[in-house]
Amino acid sequence: MKTNLEYLNDYLAEQNIKNTWRNNLKSKLMKLIRWLDDQQLTVCEVGARLAAAYAEHLSTSGYAKNTACTLLTAAVRFYNFLLRSKVIPANPFLEIRKPTMDKLLPRHLLKPKELDDYLEKLSRWEEEKNLFYKLRRYRVHVLAEFLYSTGMRINEAASLRVEDVDLERGRVKVMDSKSRKEKLCFLNDYTAGIVKIYVEHLRKYYPASDKVFGACSNRLAEVFGWVTADMGRRHGYAHLTCHSFRHSFGYHMLKAGCDLRYIQTFLGHENLRSTQIYTKVDREDLKEVLDQCHPRTFTHTKAANQ
């Protein structure tokens, strides 16, 4: 009979994923392994009652609801592996009810003026020390502006061919990566201008491809991460991912007064509930609204100036 940890290592060895993701998955499942070891149980002994007990343990141990949900999802997938391997007769975690995850905005969304400053600094690709780094940063600069203008996901942007982009009218046709339906995205004038320069004059310096950005989504996200991490070190910004620009698009459009239904269409959300994530405001936003709108704020300021 194998130990709990040996079963876990067998599962991890089967996963065709990056080492960082494998380590993250192991960290999640080690919470289950330690709990089983504390109870002097093996993975084979877990039934629906014990699976429910583990879920209760997570909910009473100070984990946020979303964290508990991801830990239970990891347990479901681990036990699916044990089922496929014929170690167990059924997956007990499929019989328990998981909490519904709250949709949350990323912690480090920049405000519109902060993001303007970030993008302006990112556009200074000539500062890099050699041609390789200049070209790397230049493409990330164009891609960041493109993602912020269109609200696209990185895998959608990576799939684009030159003929999908109408620079004269500022329109982009793309297959939504979730609904698998074609949607229309739009480029603002500034972004259309820099994409035009990139396509007509500088795209030839990147690996030959029929795709606009010349690489698969994983590679683009990897390079994007290197450049934005360096931006954070140089200028003190929080690390931004490709998806940060999609979230920034939705959040900033709403703050600027755009109707939620239009944002839903721009982002390609089939359900308005997915778009309503951007209606959540933080405490600083509430303080700004109070300062701008409360009548006593005006009275106090007027009296202080007299």
Protein backbone atom coordinates (compact mmCIF):
# COMPACT_ATOMS: atom_id res chain seq x y z
CA MET A 1 0.00 0.00 0.00
CA LYS A 2 1.40 3.39 -0.99
CA THR A 3 1.52 6.34 1.36
CA ASN A 4 -0.68 9.40 0.82
CA LEU A 5 2.32 11.39 -0.34
CA GLU A 6 3.28 8.71 -2.88
CA TYR A 7 -0.21 8.83 -4.39
CA LEU A 8 0.08 12.60 -4.60
CA ASN A 9 3.49 12.38 -6.31
CA ASP A 10 2.04 9.91 -8.84
CA TYR A 11 -0.70 12.42 -9.64
CA LEU A 12 1.74 15.32 -9.99
CA ALA A 13 4.01 13.27 -12.27
CA GLU A 14 1.07 12.79 -14.64
CA GLN A 15 0.45 16.53 -15.00
CA ASN A 16 1.90 18.05 -18.18
CA ILE A 17 2.25 21.54 -16.72
CA LYS A 18 5.00 24.04 -15.88
CA ASN A 19 6.99 23.42 -12.70
CA THR A 20 5.63 26.59 -11.07
CA TRP A 21 2.05 25.41 -11.67
CA ARG A 22 2.92 21.90 -10.46
CA ASN A 23 4.40 23.34 -7.26
CA ASN A 24 1.28 25.45 -6.75
CA LEU A 25 -0.93 22.38 -7.23
CA LYS A 26 1.20 20.39 -4.79
CA SER A 27 0.91 23.17 -2.21
CA LYS A 28 -2.89 23.03 -2.47
CA LEU A 29 -3.10 19.25 -2.16
CA MET A 30 -0.57 19.04 0.68
CA LYS A 31 -3.26 20.63 2.87
CA LEU A 32 -5.45 17.59 2.18
CA ILE A 33 -2.55 15.16 2.70
CA ARG A 34 -1.62 16.72 6.05
CA TRP A 35 -5.25 16.64 7.18
CA LEU A 36 -5.51 12.96 6.26
CA ASP A 37 -2.23 12.20 8.05
CA ASP A 38 -3.46 14.02 11.16
CA GLN A 39 -6.59 11.87 11.07
CA GLN A 40 -4.44 8.76 10.46
CA LEU A 41 -6.37 8.10 7.26
CA THR A 42 -5.29 7.02 3.79
CA VAL A 43 -6.63 8.52 0.58
CA CYS A 44 -8.45 5.22 -0.04
CA GLU A 45 -10.48 5.52 3.16
CA VAL A 46 -12.18 8.81 2.27
CA GLY A 47 -15.90 8.58 1.58
CA ALA A 48 -18.56 11.26 1.24
CA ARG A 49 -18.70 11.80 5.03
CA LEU A 50 -14.95 12.40 5.33
CA ALA A 51 -14.91 14.55 2.19
CA ALA A 52 -17.60 16.72 3.82
CA ALA A 53 -15.53 16.80 7.01
CA TYR A 54 -12.52 18.12 5.05
CA ALA A 55 -14.70 20.80 3.46
CA GLU A 56 -15.93 21.78 6.94
CA HIS A 57 -12.32 21.87 8.16
CA LEU A 58 -11.43 24.35 5.41
CA SER A 59 -14.41 26.59 6.18
CA THR A 60 -13.52 26.75 9.90
CA SER A 61 -9.76 27.19 9.47
CA GLY A 62 -9.80 30.81 8.34
CA TYR A 63 -9.60 30.22 4.59
CA ALA A 64 -11.45 32.69 2.39
CA LYS A 65 -14.39 31.20 0.52
CA ASN A 66 -12.63 31.40 -2.84
CA THR A 67 -9.50 29.75 -1.43
CA ALA A 68 -11.54 26.93 0.10
CA CYS A 69 -13.28 26.44 -3.24
CA THR A 70 -9.99 26.14 -5.15
CA LEU A 71 -8.66 23.66 -2.56
CA LEU A 72 -11.77 21.51 -2.97
CA THR A 73 -11.50 21.70 -6.77
CA ALA A 74 -7.91 20.43 -6.49
CA ALA A 75 -9.16 17.57 -4.29
CA VAL A 76 -11.83 16.66 -6.86
CA ARG A 77 -9.22 16.43 -9.63
CA PHE A 78 -6.82 14.43 -7.46
CA TYR A 79 -9.56 11.93 -6.64
CA ASN A 80 -10.54 11.74 -10.31
CA PHE A 81 -6.97 10.58 -10.93
CA LEU A 82 -7.26 7.97 -8.16
CA LEU A 83 -10.53 6.79 -9.73
CA ARG A 84 -8.93 6.48 -13.20
CA SER A 85 -6.06 4.58 -11.61
CA LYS A 86 -8.57 2.20 -9.99
CA VAL A 87 -7.28 3.02 -6.52
CA ILE A 88 -10.80 3.96 -5.38
CA PRO A 89 -14.27 2.90 -6.60
CA ALA A 90 -15.79 6.41 -6.66
CA ASN A 91 -14.85 10.07 -6.16
CA PRO A 92 -16.26 11.14 -2.75
CA PHE A 93 -15.60 14.85 -3.41
CA LEU A 94 -18.13 14.84 -6.24
CA GLU A 95 -20.85 14.19 -3.66
CA ILE A 96 -20.26 17.32 -1.58
CA ARG A 97 -21.51 20.80 -2.38
CA LYS A 98 -18.75 23.33 -2.96
CA PRO A 99 -19.25 27.01 -2.10
CA THR A 100 -19.85 29.31 -5.06
CA MET A 101 -16.79 31.42 -5.72
CA ASP A 102 -17.14 35.19 -5.47
CA LYS A 103 -16.02 37.05 -8.56
CA LEU A 104 -13.28 39.42 -7.44
CA LEU A 105 -11.30 42.13 -9.14
CA PRO A 106 -7.51 41.72 -9.06
CA ARG A 107 -5.90 43.39 -6.07
CA HIS A 108 -3.56 45.65 -8.01
CA LEU A 109 -5.68 47.37 -10.65
CA LEU A 110 -4.21 50.76 -11.46
CA LYS A 111 -6.41 53.82 -11.69
CA PRO A 112 -6.78 55.36 -15.16
CA LYS A 113 -4.13 58.06 -14.60
CA GLU A 114 -1.75 55.52 -13.06
CA LEU A 115 -2.21 53.18 -16.01
CA ASP A 116 -1.64 56.07 -18.45
CA ASP A 117 1.66 56.74 -16.69
CA TYR A 118 2.54 53.03 -16.75
CA LEU A 119 1.84 52.73 -20.48
CA GLU A 120 3.80 55.90 -21.21
CA LYS A 121 6.84 54.48 -19.37
CA LEU A 122 6.40 51.12 -21.12
CA SER A 123 6.49 52.90 -24.51
CA ARG A 124 10.07 54.10 -23.88
CA TRP A 125 11.50 50.94 -25.43
CA GLU A 126 14.51 52.84 -26.80
CA GLU A 127 15.86 52.94 -23.23
CA GLU A 128 16.77 49.24 -23.37
CA LYS A 129 20.46 48.37 -23.60
CA ASN A 130 20.49 46.33 -26.83
CA LEU A 131 18.38 45.48 -29.86
CA PHE A 132 17.04 42.22 -28.40
CA TYR A 133 15.62 43.95 -25.32
CA LYS A 134 14.39 46.91 -27.37
CA LEU A 135 12.38 44.62 -29.65
CA ARG A 136 11.06 42.60 -26.72
CA ARG A 137 9.82 45.67 -24.88
CA TYR A 138 8.46 47.28 -28.04
CA ARG A 139 6.19 44.32 -28.81
CA VAL A 140 4.97 44.21 -25.20
CA HIS A 141 4.22 47.95 -25.42
CA VAL A 142 2.11 47.42 -28.56
CA LEU A 143 0.40 44.36 -27.07
CA ALA A 144 -0.42 46.15 -23.80
CA GLU A 145 -2.03 49.04 -25.66
CA PHE A 146 -3.90 46.55 -27.87
CA LEU A 147 -5.27 44.56 -24.89
CA TYR A 148 -6.30 47.74 -23.06
CA SER A 149 -8.07 49.13 -26.13
CA THR A 150 -9.93 45.95 -27.07
CA GLY A 151 -10.41 44.20 -23.72
CA MET A 152 -9.27 40.94 -25.35
CA ARG A 153 -7.89 37.89 -23.60
CA ILE A 154 -4.27 37.08 -24.45
CA ASN A 155 -5.16 33.84 -26.28
CA GLU A 156 -7.59 35.79 -28.47
CA ALA A 157 -4.95 38.40 -29.32
CA ALA A 158 -2.41 35.65 -30.05
CA SER A 159 -4.79 34.00 -32.55
CA LEU A 160 -5.23 37.13 -34.69
CA ARG A 161 -4.07 37.22 -38.29
CA VAL A 162 -3.25 40.47 -40.06
CA GLU A 163 -6.42 40.20 -42.17
CA ASP A 164 -8.53 40.11 -38.98
CA VAL A 165 -7.48 43.67 -38.12
CA ASP A 166 -9.05 46.60 -39.99
CA LEU A 167 -6.77 49.48 -39.00
CA GLU A 168 -8.60 52.04 -41.13
CA ARG A 169 -11.89 51.53 -39.30
CA GLY A 170 -10.34 50.45 -36.00
CA ARG A 171 -12.12 47.09 -35.91
CA VAL A 172 -10.87 43.61 -35.04
CA LYS A 173 -12.69 40.33 -35.69
CA VAL A 174 -11.85 37.56 -33.23
CA MET A 175 -13.24 34.24 -32.02
CA ASP A 176 -14.25 34.53 -28.37
CA SER A 177 -12.16 31.91 -26.57
CA LYS A 178 -14.97 30.97 -24.18
CA SER A 179 -18.21 31.16 -26.16
CA ARG A 180 -16.48 30.18 -29.45
CA LYS A 181 -18.52 32.85 -31.21
CA GLU A 182 -17.09 35.56 -33.42
CA LYS A 183 -17.06 38.99 -31.79
CA LEU A 184 -16.07 42.47 -32.90
CA CYS A 185 -13.55 44.50 -30.88
CA PHE A 186 -12.44 48.08 -31.41
CA LEU A 187 -9.19 50.03 -31.46
CA ASN A 188 -9.00 53.60 -30.26
CA ASP A 189 -7.21 56.00 -32.62
CA TYR A 190 -3.93 55.95 -30.69
CA THR A 191 -3.76 52.17 -30.56
CA ALA A 192 -4.72 51.83 -34.23
CA GLY A 193 -1.80 54.15 -35.03
CA ILE A 194 0.84 52.23 -33.10
CA VAL A 195 -0.45 48.85 -34.35
CA LYS A 196 -0.22 50.20 -37.93
CA ILE A 197 3.42 51.18 -37.40
CA TYR A 198 4.15 47.78 -35.84
CA VAL A 199 2.48 45.78 -38.63
CA GLU A 200 3.86 47.79 -41.54
CA HIS A 201 7.40 48.49 -40.34
CA LEU A 202 8.53 46.44 -37.34
CA ARG A 203 6.67 43.13 -37.39
CA LYS A 204 9.25 41.77 -39.85
CA TYR A 205 11.88 41.79 -37.09
CA TYR A 206 10.00 39.09 -35.14
CA PRO A 207 9.75 35.34 -35.99
CA ALA A 208 7.86 34.79 -39.25
CA SER A 209 4.21 33.93 -38.60
CA ASP A 210 0.77 34.52 -40.06
CA LYS A 211 -0.27 35.82 -36.61
CA VAL A 212 -0.14 39.53 -35.82
CA PHE A 213 1.96 39.14 -32.68
CA GLY A 214 4.01 36.23 -34.00
CA ALA A 215 3.83 33.85 -31.04
CA CYS A 216 1.48 31.54 -29.14
CA SER A 217 -0.40 32.86 -26.12
CA ASN A 218 1.86 31.09 -23.58
CA ARG A 219 4.98 32.59 -25.12
CA LEU A 220 3.44 36.07 -25.34
CA ALA A 221 2.29 35.89 -21.71
CA GLU A 222 5.77 34.73 -20.64
CA VAL A 223 7.56 37.59 -22.41
CA PHE A 224 4.89 40.02 -21.19
CA GLY A 225 5.57 38.86 -17.63
CA TRP A 226 9.32 39.40 -17.93
CA VAL A 227 8.91 42.95 -19.20
CA THR A 228 6.18 44.00 -16.74
CA ALA A 229 8.08 42.47 -13.80
CA ASP A 230 11.07 44.57 -14.84
CA MET A 231 8.79 47.62 -15.05
CA GLY A 232 7.68 46.94 -11.50
CA ARG A 233 11.27 46.76 -10.23
CA ARG A 234 12.30 49.94 -12.04
CA HIS A 235 9.31 52.12 -11.23
CA GLY A 236 7.68 50.54 -8.17
CA TYR A 237 4.49 49.32 -9.88
CA ALA A 238 2.57 46.21 -8.91
CA HIS A 239 3.17 43.36 -11.34
CA LEU A 240 0.59 43.46 -14.15
CA THR A 241 -0.36 40.45 -16.24
CA CYS A 242 -1.94 40.35 -19.70
CA HIS A 243 -5.33 39.82 -18.05
CA SER A 244 -4.84 42.94 -15.90
CA PHE A 245 -5.40 45.03 -19.03
CA ARG A 246 -8.71 43.28 -19.79
CA HIS A 247 -9.88 43.95 -16.23
CA SER A 248 -8.61 47.54 -16.43
CA PHE A 249 -10.61 48.03 -19.64
CA GLY A 250 -13.86 46.96 -17.95
CA TYR A 251 -13.21 48.78 -14.68
CA HIS A 252 -12.09 52.06 -16.25
CA MET A 253 -14.91 52.11 -18.80
CA LEU A 254 -17.44 51.76 -15.98
CA LYS A 255 -15.76 54.50 -13.92
CA ALA A 256 -15.91 56.76 -16.99
CA GLY A 257 -19.70 56.30 -17.15
CA CYS A 258 -20.04 53.59 -19.83
CA ASP A 259 -23.27 51.59 -19.59
CA LEU A 260 -22.74 48.09 -18.16
CA ARG A 261 -24.51 46.51 -21.16
CA TYR A 262 -22.01 48.07 -23.56
CA ILE A 263 -19.10 46.79 -21.44
CA GLN A 264 -20.71 43.35 -21.51
CA THR A 265 -20.71 43.50 -25.33
CA PHE A 266 -17.15 44.81 -25.55
CA LEU A 267 -15.84 42.00 -23.34
CA GLY A 268 -18.00 39.30 -24.92
CA HIS A 269 -19.63 38.23 -21.65
CA GLU A 270 -22.70 36.07 -22.30
CA ASN A 271 -24.04 36.74 -18.79
CA LEU A 272 -24.28 40.22 -17.30
CA ARG A 273 -23.28 38.78 -13.92
CA SER A 274 -19.75 38.33 -15.27
CA THR A 275 -19.60 42.05 -16.09
CA GLN A 276 -20.99 43.14 -12.72
CA ILE A 277 -17.65 42.36 -11.11
CA TYR A 278 -16.59 45.87 -12.17
CA THR A 279 -19.34 47.49 -10.09
CA LYS A 280 -17.48 46.57 -6.91
CA VAL A 281 -15.76 49.65 -5.54
CA ASP A 282 -12.98 49.87 -3.00
CA ARG A 283 -12.89 52.06 0.10
CA GLU A 284 -10.77 54.71 -1.57
CA ASP A 285 -13.39 55.10 -4.32
CA LEU A 286 -16.09 55.57 -1.68
CA LYS A 287 -14.01 58.24 0.10
CA GLU A 288 -13.53 60.13 -3.20
CA VAL A 289 -17.28 60.00 -3.88
CA LEU A 290 -17.99 61.33 -0.39
CA ASP A 291 -15.50 64.19 -0.81
CA GLN A 292 -16.98 65.13 -4.19
CA CYS A 293 -20.67 64.80 -3.40
CA HIS A 294 -21.34 65.44 0.28
CA PRO A 295 -22.75 68.98 0.81
CA ARG A 296 -20.76 69.53 4.02
CA THR A 297 -17.51 69.01 2.09
CA PHE A 298 -18.33 72.07 -0.04
CA THR A 299 -19.43 74.08 3.01
CA HIS A 300 -16.25 73.27 4.93
CA THR A 301 -14.00 74.14 1.99
CA LYS A 302 -15.84 77.42 1.37
CA ALA A 303 -15.60 78.44 5.03
CA ALA A 304 -11.90 77.60 5.17
CA ASN A 305 -11.23 79.89 2.18
CA GLN A 306 -13.03 82.89 3.67
